[in-house]
């Protein structure tokens, strides 16, 4: 243990006598500030990137939904049989002479 302490002491003393120690200290302080203390530190940047990815996925989802609804609107305007089928399936509409049986699984 004493030998380890002496080695650490010698390393610190050698560093303090080194010619470029001030530059190293300034660079380390800058990195500490940049990585941990600045308003846009690494943690903040990570969360921003993660949120941006989620927003992109949400945008893709809504673009697909818009495309699907536009296709449905086109079918509603052009195909009367589709309108009847859609009304029967989604809203359980029927003709006067029909009965509807629902099977719930």
N, C-alpha and C. Protein backbone atom coordinates (compact mmCIF):
# COMPACT_ATOMS: atom_id res chain seq x y z
N UNK A 1 0.82 -1.19 0.00
CA UNK A 1 0.00 0.00 0.00
C UNK A 1 0.87 1.26 0.00
N UNK A 2 1.94 1.20 0.78
CA UNK A 2 2.84 2.35 0.86
C UNK A 2 3.54 2.57 -0.49
N UNK A 3 3.85 1.46 -1.16
CA UNK A 3 4.51 1.55 -2.45
C UNK A 3 3.59 2.20 -3.49
N UNK A 4 2.32 1.82 -3.46
CA UNK A 4 1.34 2.41 -4.37
C UNK A 4 1.20 3.91 -4.10
N UNK A 5 1.13 4.27 -2.84
CA UNK A 5 1.01 5.68 -2.48
C UNK A 5 2.22 6.48 -2.96
N UNK A 6 3.43 5.90 -2.82
CA UNK A 6 4.64 6.56 -3.31
C UNK A 6 4.63 6.72 -4.83
N UNK A 7 4.12 5.70 -5.53
CA UNK A 7 4.03 5.78 -7.00
C UNK A 7 3.08 6.90 -7.42
N UNK A 8 1.94 7.01 -6.73
CA UNK A 8 0.97 8.06 -7.04
C UNK A 8 1.59 9.43 -6.75
N UNK A 9 2.29 9.53 -5.62
CA UNK A 9 2.94 10.79 -5.25
C UNK A 9 3.97 11.20 -6.31
N UNK A 10 4.75 10.23 -6.76
CA UNK A 10 5.77 10.51 -7.78
C UNK A 10 5.11 10.94 -9.11
N UNK A 11 4.02 10.31 -9.46
CA UNK A 11 3.33 10.66 -10.70
C UNK A 11 2.77 12.07 -10.62
N UNK A 12 2.17 12.42 -9.47
CA UNK A 12 1.62 13.77 -9.30
C UNK A 12 2.73 14.80 -9.33
N UNK A 13 3.81 14.52 -8.66
CA UNK A 13 4.92 15.48 -8.63
C UNK A 13 5.54 15.64 -10.03
N UNK A 14 5.63 14.54 -10.79
CA UNK A 14 6.16 14.63 -12.16
C UNK A 14 5.22 15.45 -13.04
N UNK A 15 3.91 15.27 -12.84
CA UNK A 15 2.95 16.03 -13.62
C UNK A 15 3.05 17.53 -13.30
N UNK A 16 3.21 17.85 -12.03
CA UNK A 16 3.28 19.26 -11.64
C UNK A 16 4.55 19.92 -12.17
N UNK A 17 5.60 19.16 -12.40
CA UNK A 17 6.83 19.73 -12.94
C UNK A 17 6.85 19.72 -14.46
N UNK A 18 5.88 19.09 -15.07
CA UNK A 18 5.83 18.97 -16.53
C UNK A 18 5.55 20.33 -17.15
N UNK A 19 6.11 20.58 -18.30
CA UNK A 19 6.06 21.89 -18.93
C UNK A 19 4.67 22.26 -19.45
N UNK A 20 3.88 21.28 -19.94
CA UNK A 20 2.59 21.52 -20.59
C UNK A 20 1.39 21.23 -19.67
N UNK A 21 1.63 21.21 -18.38
CA UNK A 21 0.56 20.84 -17.45
C UNK A 21 -0.62 21.82 -17.50
N UNK A 22 -0.32 23.09 -17.71
CA UNK A 22 -1.41 24.08 -17.76
C UNK A 22 -2.35 23.81 -18.94
N UNK A 23 -1.79 23.43 -20.07
CA UNK A 23 -2.62 23.11 -21.23
C UNK A 23 -3.50 21.90 -20.95
N UNK A 24 -2.93 20.90 -20.32
CA UNK A 24 -3.68 19.68 -20.00
C UNK A 24 -4.81 20.01 -19.03
N UNK A 25 -4.52 20.82 -18.03
CA UNK A 25 -5.55 21.18 -17.06
C UNK A 25 -6.67 21.97 -17.73
N UNK A 26 -6.33 22.89 -18.60
CA UNK A 26 -7.35 23.68 -19.30
C UNK A 26 -8.19 22.78 -20.19
N UNK A 27 -7.55 21.86 -20.91
CA UNK A 27 -8.30 20.95 -21.79
C UNK A 27 -9.21 20.06 -20.96
N UNK A 28 -8.73 19.55 -19.84
CA UNK A 28 -9.57 18.71 -18.98
C UNK A 28 -10.76 19.49 -18.42
N UNK A 29 -10.53 20.72 -18.00
CA UNK A 29 -11.63 21.54 -17.51
C UNK A 29 -12.65 21.83 -18.62
N UNK A 30 -12.12 22.09 -19.82
CA UNK A 30 -13.02 22.31 -20.95
C UNK A 30 -13.86 21.08 -21.24
N UNK A 31 -13.23 19.90 -21.24
CA UNK A 31 -13.97 18.66 -21.49
C UNK A 31 -15.00 18.41 -20.39
N UNK A 32 -14.63 18.67 -19.15
CA UNK A 32 -15.56 18.51 -18.04
C UNK A 32 -16.78 19.43 -18.25
N UNK A 33 -16.52 20.66 -18.61
CA UNK A 33 -17.60 21.60 -18.86
C UNK A 33 -18.46 21.14 -20.04
N UNK A 34 -17.81 20.77 -21.11
CA UNK A 34 -18.52 20.40 -22.33
C UNK A 34 -19.35 19.13 -22.14
N UNK A 35 -18.82 18.14 -21.44
CA UNK A 35 -19.49 16.86 -21.32
C UNK A 35 -20.54 16.82 -20.20
N UNK A 36 -20.34 17.58 -19.14
CA UNK A 36 -21.21 17.42 -17.98
C UNK A 36 -21.97 18.67 -17.55
N UNK A 37 -21.40 19.82 -17.69
CA UNK A 37 -21.97 21.01 -17.06
C UNK A 37 -22.65 21.98 -18.00
N UNK A 38 -22.37 21.92 -19.26
CA UNK A 38 -22.92 22.89 -20.22
C UNK A 38 -24.42 22.66 -20.40
N UNK A 39 -25.14 23.67 -20.87
CA UNK A 39 -26.58 23.50 -21.10
C UNK A 39 -26.90 22.42 -22.15
N UNK A 40 -26.03 22.21 -23.09
CA UNK A 40 -26.23 21.16 -24.11
C UNK A 40 -25.24 20.02 -23.91
N UNK A 41 -25.22 19.46 -22.73
CA UNK A 41 -24.28 18.38 -22.43
C UNK A 41 -24.70 17.09 -23.13
N UNK A 42 -23.92 16.04 -22.93
CA UNK A 42 -24.18 14.78 -23.62
C UNK A 42 -25.53 14.19 -23.27
N UNK A 43 -25.92 14.27 -22.02
CA UNK A 43 -27.20 13.72 -21.60
C UNK A 43 -28.36 14.42 -22.31
N UNK A 44 -28.30 15.73 -22.38
CA UNK A 44 -29.34 16.49 -23.07
C UNK A 44 -29.38 16.14 -24.55
N UNK A 45 -28.21 16.05 -25.16
CA UNK A 45 -28.15 15.70 -26.58
C UNK A 45 -28.72 14.31 -26.83
N UNK A 46 -28.44 13.36 -25.94
CA UNK A 46 -28.96 12.00 -26.08
C UNK A 46 -30.49 12.02 -26.04
N UNK A 47 -31.06 12.75 -25.10
CA UNK A 47 -32.51 12.80 -24.99
C UNK A 47 -33.14 13.51 -26.19
N UNK A 48 -32.48 14.52 -26.70
CA UNK A 48 -32.99 15.22 -27.88
C UNK A 48 -32.99 14.29 -29.09
N UNK A 49 -31.93 13.54 -29.27
CA UNK A 49 -31.85 12.60 -30.40
C UNK A 49 -32.90 11.51 -30.27
N UNK A 50 -33.09 11.02 -29.06
CA UNK A 50 -34.09 9.98 -28.82
C UNK A 50 -35.50 10.50 -29.11
N UNK A 51 -35.81 11.71 -28.67
CA UNK A 51 -37.12 12.30 -28.92
C UNK A 51 -37.33 12.57 -30.40
N UNK A 52 -36.27 13.00 -31.07
CA UNK A 52 -36.36 13.27 -32.51
C UNK A 52 -36.68 11.98 -33.28
N UNK A 53 -36.05 10.87 -32.88
CA UNK A 53 -36.32 9.59 -33.52
C UNK A 53 -37.78 9.18 -33.31
N UNK A 54 -38.28 9.37 -32.09
CA UNK A 54 -39.67 9.03 -31.81
C UNK A 54 -40.61 9.90 -32.64
N UNK A 55 -40.29 11.18 -32.81
CA UNK A 55 -41.13 12.07 -33.61
C UNK A 55 -41.11 11.66 -35.08
N UNK A 56 -39.97 11.21 -35.58
CA UNK A 56 -39.91 10.74 -36.97
C UNK A 56 -40.78 9.51 -37.17
N UNK A 57 -40.73 8.57 -36.22
CA UNK A 57 -41.55 7.37 -36.32
C UNK A 57 -43.03 7.72 -36.27
N UNK A 58 -43.38 8.67 -35.41
CA UNK A 58 -44.77 9.12 -35.32
C UNK A 58 -45.20 9.78 -36.63
N UNK A 59 -44.30 10.54 -37.23
CA UNK A 59 -44.61 11.19 -38.51
C UNK A 59 -44.86 10.14 -39.59
N UNK A 60 -44.02 9.09 -39.65
CA UNK A 60 -44.21 8.02 -40.63
C UNK A 60 -45.56 7.33 -40.42
N UNK A 61 -45.90 7.08 -39.15
CA UNK A 61 -47.17 6.43 -38.84
C UNK A 61 -48.34 7.27 -39.35
N UNK A 62 -48.33 8.57 -39.06
CA UNK A 62 -49.43 9.42 -39.48
C UNK A 62 -49.48 9.60 -40.99
N UNK A 63 -48.33 9.59 -41.64
CA UNK A 63 -48.34 9.66 -43.11
C UNK A 63 -48.99 8.42 -43.71
N UNK A 64 -48.71 7.24 -43.12
CA UNK A 64 -49.35 6.01 -43.59
C UNK A 64 -50.86 6.06 -43.34
N UNK A 65 -51.26 6.57 -42.18
CA UNK A 65 -52.68 6.67 -41.87
C UNK A 65 -53.38 7.64 -42.83
N UNK A 66 -52.75 8.74 -43.13
CA UNK A 66 -53.33 9.70 -44.08
C UNK A 66 -53.50 9.05 -45.44
N UNK A 67 -52.50 8.29 -45.87
CA UNK A 67 -52.58 7.60 -47.16
C UNK A 67 -53.74 6.60 -47.16
N UNK A 68 -53.88 5.86 -46.07
CA UNK A 68 -54.95 4.86 -45.97
C UNK A 68 -56.32 5.55 -46.03
N UNK A 69 -56.48 6.65 -45.30
CA UNK A 69 -57.75 7.36 -45.30
C UNK A 69 -58.05 8.00 -46.65
N UNK A 70 -57.03 8.47 -47.33
CA UNK A 70 -57.25 9.03 -48.67
C UNK A 70 -57.73 7.96 -49.64
N UNK A 71 -57.17 6.74 -49.51
CA UNK A 71 -57.63 5.63 -50.35
C UNK A 71 -59.08 5.28 -50.04
N UNK A 72 -59.44 5.28 -48.74
CA UNK A 72 -60.82 5.01 -48.37
C UNK A 72 -61.76 6.08 -48.92
N UNK A 73 -61.38 7.33 -48.83
CA UNK A 73 -62.20 8.42 -49.35
C UNK A 73 -62.40 8.25 -50.86
N UNK A 74 -61.33 7.87 -51.55
CA UNK A 74 -61.45 7.64 -52.99
C UNK A 74 -62.43 6.51 -53.27
N UNK A 75 -62.38 5.44 -52.47
CA UNK A 75 -63.31 4.32 -52.66
C UNK A 75 -64.74 4.76 -52.36
N UNK A 76 -64.93 5.57 -51.31
CA UNK A 76 -66.28 6.05 -50.98
C UNK A 76 -66.86 6.86 -52.13
N UNK A 77 -66.05 7.66 -52.77
CA UNK A 77 -66.54 8.52 -53.85
C UNK A 77 -66.78 7.76 -55.15
N UNK A 78 -66.06 6.67 -55.36
CA UNK A 78 -66.13 6.01 -56.65
C UNK A 78 -66.91 4.69 -56.64
N UNK A 79 -67.05 4.02 -55.51
CA UNK A 79 -67.65 2.69 -55.50
C UNK A 79 -68.84 2.64 -54.53
N UNK A 80 -70.06 2.62 -55.04
CA UNK A 80 -71.23 2.55 -54.16
C UNK A 80 -71.33 1.24 -53.38
N UNK A 81 -70.83 0.15 -53.97
CA UNK A 81 -70.86 -1.13 -53.25
C UNK A 81 -69.95 -1.09 -52.03
N UNK A 82 -68.85 -0.39 -52.13
CA UNK A 82 -67.95 -0.26 -50.98
C UNK A 82 -68.63 0.50 -49.84
N UNK A 83 -69.41 1.52 -50.19
CA UNK A 83 -70.13 2.29 -49.17
C UNK A 83 -71.09 1.39 -48.43
N UNK A 84 -71.83 0.56 -49.15
CA UNK A 84 -72.79 -0.34 -48.51
C UNK A 84 -72.06 -1.38 -47.64
N UNK A 85 -71.00 -1.95 -48.17
CA UNK A 85 -70.24 -2.94 -47.40
C UNK A 85 -69.65 -2.32 -46.14
N UNK A 86 -69.13 -1.14 -46.26
CA UNK A 86 -68.53 -0.45 -45.11
C UNK A 86 -69.59 -0.16 -44.04
N UNK A 87 -70.75 0.32 -44.48
CA UNK A 87 -71.83 0.63 -43.54
C UNK A 87 -72.31 -0.63 -42.83
N UNK A 88 -72.40 -1.73 -43.55
CA UNK A 88 -72.85 -2.98 -42.94
C UNK A 88 -71.83 -3.51 -41.93
N UNK A 89 -70.56 -3.43 -42.27
CA UNK A 89 -69.53 -4.00 -41.40
C UNK A 89 -69.22 -3.12 -40.20
N UNK A 90 -69.10 -1.83 -40.42
CA UNK A 90 -68.66 -0.94 -39.35
C UNK A 90 -69.81 -0.45 -38.47
N UNK A 91 -70.95 -0.19 -39.05
CA UNK A 91 -72.05 0.42 -38.31
C UNK A 91 -73.24 -0.51 -38.13
N UNK A 92 -73.10 -1.78 -38.55
CA UNK A 92 -74.12 -2.81 -38.39
C UNK A 92 -75.46 -2.39 -38.99
N UNK A 93 -75.42 -1.72 -40.11
CA UNK A 93 -76.65 -1.34 -40.78
C UNK A 93 -77.19 -2.52 -41.57
N UNK A 94 -78.50 -2.52 -41.77
CA UNK A 94 -79.12 -3.65 -42.47
C UNK A 94 -80.27 -3.15 -43.32
N UNK A 95 -80.71 -4.01 -44.19
CA UNK A 95 -81.90 -3.72 -44.96
C UNK A 95 -83.13 -4.09 -44.12
N UNK A 96 -84.31 -3.69 -44.60
CA UNK A 96 -85.53 -3.93 -43.83
C UNK A 96 -85.85 -5.41 -43.66
N UNK A 97 -85.53 -6.22 -44.65
CA UNK A 97 -85.92 -7.63 -44.59
C UNK A 97 -84.78 -8.53 -44.09
N UNK A 98 -83.77 -7.98 -43.45
CA UNK A 98 -82.63 -8.77 -42.98
C UNK A 98 -82.56 -8.77 -41.46
N UNK A 99 -81.93 -9.82 -40.94
CA UNK A 99 -81.61 -9.90 -39.52
C UNK A 99 -80.10 -9.98 -39.39
N UNK A 100 -79.59 -9.41 -38.32
CA UNK A 100 -78.14 -9.42 -38.08
C UNK A 100 -77.87 -10.26 -36.85
N UNK A 101 -76.93 -11.18 -37.00
CA UNK A 101 -76.51 -12.02 -35.89
C UNK A 101 -75.03 -11.70 -35.61
N UNK A 102 -74.74 -11.25 -34.41
CA UNK A 102 -73.37 -10.93 -34.04
C UNK A 102 -72.78 -12.12 -33.29
N UNK A 103 -71.61 -12.54 -33.71
CA UNK A 103 -70.89 -13.60 -33.03
C UNK A 103 -69.68 -12.98 -32.37
N UNK A 104 -69.68 -12.96 -31.05
CA UNK A 104 -68.59 -12.33 -30.31
C UNK A 104 -67.69 -13.45 -29.77
N UNK A 105 -66.44 -13.36 -30.14
CA UNK A 105 -65.49 -14.40 -29.70
C UNK A 105 -64.81 -14.00 -28.42
